[in-house]
Amino acid sequence: MPVTFEWRDMDYPLMIIRVENPWNWTEFFLALEESDPYFQVEKRKVGTIFVLPDSINLPPNMLSQTRSIVYKTPANVGASVIVSKSRVVDALIGIFNKLHLGSKVSLRTVKTFEEALQVVAETLTQQE
């Protein structure tokens, strides 16, 4: 399956969603639905990391689908980070964040998984 999720319990709960080419929005939303029970039972703030392939083929409607994802984000998500080396993804997420100021989740892009772990840990620590 091109979209998978993994639950980790570190110093904080963490959901890692990995995307492999080719993928589509139906597969992405299916993976989110499958991961939902993990969020429902967790009482602490959860970090989410979306790992995109180095060379990503983006399905159509990236901004509107990202908006849908953010509005469906469980209330206990405290940090969302996207791992991507794509400048296009950086630009799209930057545009999204400017258009949707005040949404319940702000998205951030980083280049490596290690950076993502650090951002999630720092963000969740600040929320305690």
C-alpha atoms as a PDB file:
ATOM      1  CA  MET A   1       0.000   0.000   0.000  1.00  0.00           C
ATOM      2  CA  PRO A   2       1.461   3.397  -0.959  1.00  0.00           C
ATOM      3  CA  VAL A   3       0.256   5.125   2.246  1.00  0.00           C
ATOM      4  CA  THR A   4       1.029   3.484   5.592  1.00  0.00           C
ATOM      5  CA  PHE A   5       0.991   4.569   9.205  1.00  0.00           C
ATOM      6  CA  GLU A   6       3.007   3.603  12.241  1.00  0.00           C
ATOM      7  CA  TRP A   7       2.262   4.425  15.883  1.00  0.00           C
ATOM      8  CA  ARG A   8       5.177   5.022  18.234  1.00  0.00           C
ATOM      9  CA  ASP A   9       5.086   5.773  21.918  1.00  0.00           C
ATOM     10  CA  MET A  10       8.229   7.712  22.767  1.00  0.00           C
ATOM     11  CA  ASP A  11       8.313  10.464  25.401  1.00  0.00           C
ATOM     12  CA  TYR A  12       5.132  11.423  23.579  1.00  0.00           C
ATOM     13  CA  PRO A  13       2.743   9.581  21.252  1.00  0.00           C
ATOM     14  CA  LEU A  14       3.725   9.822  17.592  1.00  0.00           C
ATOM     15  CA  MET A  15       1.918   8.895  14.384  1.00  0.00           C
ATOM     16  CA  ILE A  16       4.146   8.490  11.333  1.00  0.00           C
ATOM     17  CA  ILE A  17       2.421   8.441   7.963  1.00  0.00           C
ATOM     18  CA  ARG A  18       4.616   7.387   5.030  1.00  0.00           C
ATOM     19  CA  VAL A  19       3.716   8.023   1.415  1.00  0.00           C
ATOM     20  CA  GLU A  20       5.275   6.170  -1.532  1.00  0.00           C
ATOM     21  CA  ASN A  21       4.795   6.933  -5.224  1.00  0.00           C
ATOM     22  CA  PRO A  22       2.382   6.491  -6.855  1.00  0.00           C
ATOM     23  CA  TRP A  23      -0.421   7.410  -4.453  1.00  0.00           C
ATOM     24  CA  ASN A  24      -3.779   9.136  -4.504  1.00  0.00           C
ATOM     25  CA  TRP A  25      -6.050  10.928  -2.069  1.00  0.00           C
ATOM     26  CA  THR A  26      -8.347   7.938  -1.600  1.00  0.00           C
ATOM     27  CA  GLU A  27      -5.426   5.843  -0.315  1.00  0.00           C
ATOM     28  CA  PHE A  28      -4.249   8.717   1.870  1.00  0.00           C
ATOM     29  CA  PHE A  29      -7.642   9.253   3.509  1.00  0.00           C
ATOM     30  CA  LEU A  30      -8.064   5.502   3.990  1.00  0.00           C
ATOM     31  CA  ALA A  31      -4.799   5.400   5.964  1.00  0.00           C
ATOM     32  CA  LEU A  32      -5.961   8.357   8.056  1.00  0.00           C
ATOM     33  CA  GLU A  33      -9.231   6.566   8.834  1.00  0.00           C
ATOM     34  CA  GLU A  34      -7.340   3.430   9.858  1.00  0.00           C
ATOM     35  CA  SER A  35      -5.131   5.465  12.181  1.00  0.00           C
ATOM     36  CA  ASP A  36      -8.035   7.294  13.842  1.00  0.00           C
ATOM     37  CA  PRO A  37      -8.610   4.772  16.698  1.00  0.00           C
ATOM     38  CA  TYR A  38      -5.074   5.445  17.968  1.00  0.00           C
ATOM     39  CA  PHE A  39      -5.902   9.125  18.352  1.00  0.00           C
ATOM     40  CA  GLN A  40      -9.244   8.415  20.015  1.00  0.00           C
ATOM     41  CA  VAL A  41      -7.745   6.436  22.898  1.00  0.00           C
ATOM     42  CA  GLU A  42      -4.755   8.729  23.474  1.00  0.00           C
ATOM     43  CA  LYS A  43      -5.264  11.409  26.128  1.00  0.00           C
ATOM     44  CA  ARG A  44      -1.946  13.199  25.599  1.00  0.00           C
ATOM     45  CA  LYS A  45      -1.049  15.541  22.746  1.00  0.00           C
ATOM     46  CA  VAL A  46       0.073  13.571  19.692  1.00  0.00           C
ATOM     47  CA  GLY A  47       2.740  14.451  17.164  1.00  0.00           C
ATOM     48  CA  THR A  48       2.259  13.582  13.514  1.00  0.00           C
ATOM     49  CA  ILE A  49       4.972  13.241  10.907  1.00  0.00           C
ATOM     50  CA  PHE A  50       4.155  12.837   7.227  1.00  0.00           C
ATOM     51  CA  VAL A  51       7.104  11.377   5.315  1.00  0.00           C
ATOM     52  CA  LEU A  52       6.998  12.060   1.584  1.00  0.00           C
ATOM     53  CA  PRO A  53       9.329  10.470  -0.986  1.00  0.00           C
ATOM     54  CA  ASP A  54      12.316  12.500  -2.215  1.00  0.00           C
ATOM     55  CA  SER A  55      10.765  12.792  -5.649  1.00  0.00           C
ATOM     56  CA  ILE A  56       7.051  13.089  -5.095  1.00  0.00           C
ATOM     57  CA  ASN A  57       4.279  12.977  -7.656  1.00  0.00           C
ATOM     58  CA  LEU A  58       1.546  15.106  -6.131  1.00  0.00           C
ATOM     59  CA  PRO A  59      -2.061  14.207  -6.866  1.00  0.00           C
ATOM     60  CA  PRO A  60      -4.314  17.071  -8.012  1.00  0.00           C
ATOM     61  CA  ASN A  61      -5.958  19.521  -5.613  1.00  0.00           C
ATOM     62  CA  MET A  62      -3.128  19.656  -3.069  1.00  0.00           C
ATOM     63  CA  LEU A  63      -4.290  22.841  -1.316  1.00  0.00           C
ATOM     64  CA  SER A  64      -7.954  21.867  -1.010  1.00  0.00           C
ATOM     65  CA  GLN A  65      -7.093  18.328   0.122  1.00  0.00           C
ATOM     66  CA  THR A  66      -4.608  19.689   2.690  1.00  0.00           C
ATOM     67  CA  ARG A  67      -7.383  21.923   4.008  1.00  0.00           C
ATOM     68  CA  SER A  68      -9.632  18.888   4.343  1.00  0.00           C
ATOM     69  CA  ILE A  69      -6.900  16.995   6.218  1.00  0.00           C
ATOM     70  CA  VAL A  70      -6.335  19.869   8.646  1.00  0.00           C
ATOM     71  CA  TYR A  71     -10.043  20.274   9.390  1.00  0.00           C
ATOM     72  CA  LYS A  72     -10.354  16.525  10.033  1.00  0.00           C
ATOM     73  CA  THR A  73      -7.315  16.501  12.332  1.00  0.00           C
ATOM     74  CA  PRO A  74      -8.123  15.042  15.758  1.00  0.00           C
ATOM     75  CA  ALA A  75      -8.234  17.626  18.566  1.00  0.00           C
ATOM     76  CA  ASN A  76      -5.326  16.018  20.417  1.00  0.00           C
ATOM     77  CA  VAL A  77      -2.807  16.548  17.598  1.00  0.00           C
ATOM     78  CA  GLY A  78      -0.306  19.041  18.942  1.00  0.00           C
ATOM     79  CA  ALA A  79       2.257  19.100  16.136  1.00  0.00           C
ATOM     80  CA  SER A  80       2.239  18.207  12.448  1.00  0.00           C
ATOM     81  CA  VAL A  81       5.429  18.085  10.424  1.00  0.00           C
ATOM     82  CA  ILE A  82       5.959  17.106   6.797  1.00  0.00           C
ATOM     83  CA  VAL A  83       9.292  15.601   5.756  1.00  0.00           C
ATOM     84  CA  SER A  84       9.937  16.590   2.158  1.00  0.00           C
ATOM     85  CA  LYS A  85      12.868  17.678   0.029  1.00  0.00           C
ATOM     86  CA  SER A  86      10.472  19.135  -2.537  1.00  0.00           C
ATOM     87  CA  ARG A  87      10.461  22.915  -2.948  1.00  0.00           C
ATOM     88  CA  VAL A  88       6.995  22.595  -4.442  1.00  0.00           C
ATOM     89  CA  VAL A  89       5.696  20.985  -1.231  1.00  0.00           C
ATOM     90  CA  ASP A  90       7.423  23.723   0.825  1.00  0.00           C
ATOM     91  CA  ALA A  91       5.771  26.409  -1.294  1.00  0.00           C
ATOM     92  CA  LEU A  92       2.322  24.789  -1.184  1.00  0.00           C
ATOM     93  CA  ILE A  93       2.440  24.353   2.590  1.00  0.00           C
ATOM     94  CA  GLY A  94       3.652  27.942   2.973  1.00  0.00           C
ATOM     95  CA  ILE A  95       0.712  29.160   0.882  1.00  0.00           C
ATOM     96  CA  PHE A  96      -1.663  26.936   2.834  1.00  0.00           C
ATOM     97  CA  ASN A  97      -0.465  28.295   6.188  1.00  0.00           C
ATOM     98  CA  LYS A  98      -0.898  31.898   4.975  1.00  0.00           C
ATOM     99  CA  LEU A  99      -4.383  31.233   3.626  1.00  0.00           C
ATOM    100  CA  HIS A 100      -5.542  29.364   6.712  1.00  0.00           C
ATOM    101  CA  LEU A 101      -4.186  31.430   9.582  1.00  0.00           C
ATOM    102  CA  GLY A 102      -5.892  30.397  12.776  1.00  0.00           C
ATOM    103  CA  SER A 103      -6.636  26.837  11.685  1.00  0.00           C
ATOM    104  CA  LYS A 104      -6.304  24.322  14.497  1.00  0.00           C
ATOM    105  CA  VAL A 105      -3.050  22.874  13.142  1.00  0.00           C
ATOM    106  CA  SER A 106      -0.113  24.684  11.608  1.00  0.00           C
ATOM    107  CA  LEU A 107       1.914  22.560   9.216  1.00  0.00           C
ATOM    108  CA  ARG A 108       5.671  22.751   9.027  1.00  0.00           C
ATOM    109  CA  THR A 109       8.048  21.244   6.480  1.00  0.00           C
ATOM    110  CA  VAL A 110      11.540  19.967   7.187  1.00  0.00           C
ATOM    111  CA  LYS A 111      14.107  18.096   5.088  1.00  0.00           C
ATOM    112  CA  THR A 112      14.891  15.090   7.334  1.00  0.00           C
ATOM    113  CA  PHE A 113      13.093  12.694   9.635  1.00  0.00           C
ATOM    114  CA  GLU A 114      15.485  13.620  12.465  1.00  0.00           C
ATOM    115  CA  GLU A 115      14.513  17.284  12.116  1.00  0.00           C
ATOM    116  CA  ALA A 116      10.850  16.282  12.222  1.00  0.00           C
ATOM    117  CA  LEU A 117      11.350  14.350  15.461  1.00  0.00           C
ATOM    118  CA  GLN A 118      13.067  17.376  16.993  1.00  0.00           C
ATOM    119  CA  VAL A 119      10.337  19.821  15.910  1.00  0.00           C
ATOM    120  CA  VAL A 120       7.574  17.557  17.214  1.00  0.00           C
ATOM    121  CA  ALA A 121       9.343  17.063  20.564  1.00  0.00           C
ATOM    122  CA  GLU A 122       9.962  20.812  20.993  1.00  0.00           C
ATOM    123  CA  THR A 123       6.420  21.744  19.998  1.00  0.00           C
ATOM    124  CA  LEU A 124       4.779  19.214  22.293  1.00  0.00           C
ATOM    125  CA  THR A 125       7.066  20.206  25.188  1.00  0.00           C
ATOM    126  CA  GLN A 126       6.000  23.855  24.787  1.00  0.00           C
ATOM    127  CA  GLN A 127       2.341  22.786  25.013  1.00  0.00           C
ATOM    128  CA  GLU A 128       2.721  20.981  28.352  1.00  0.00           C
END
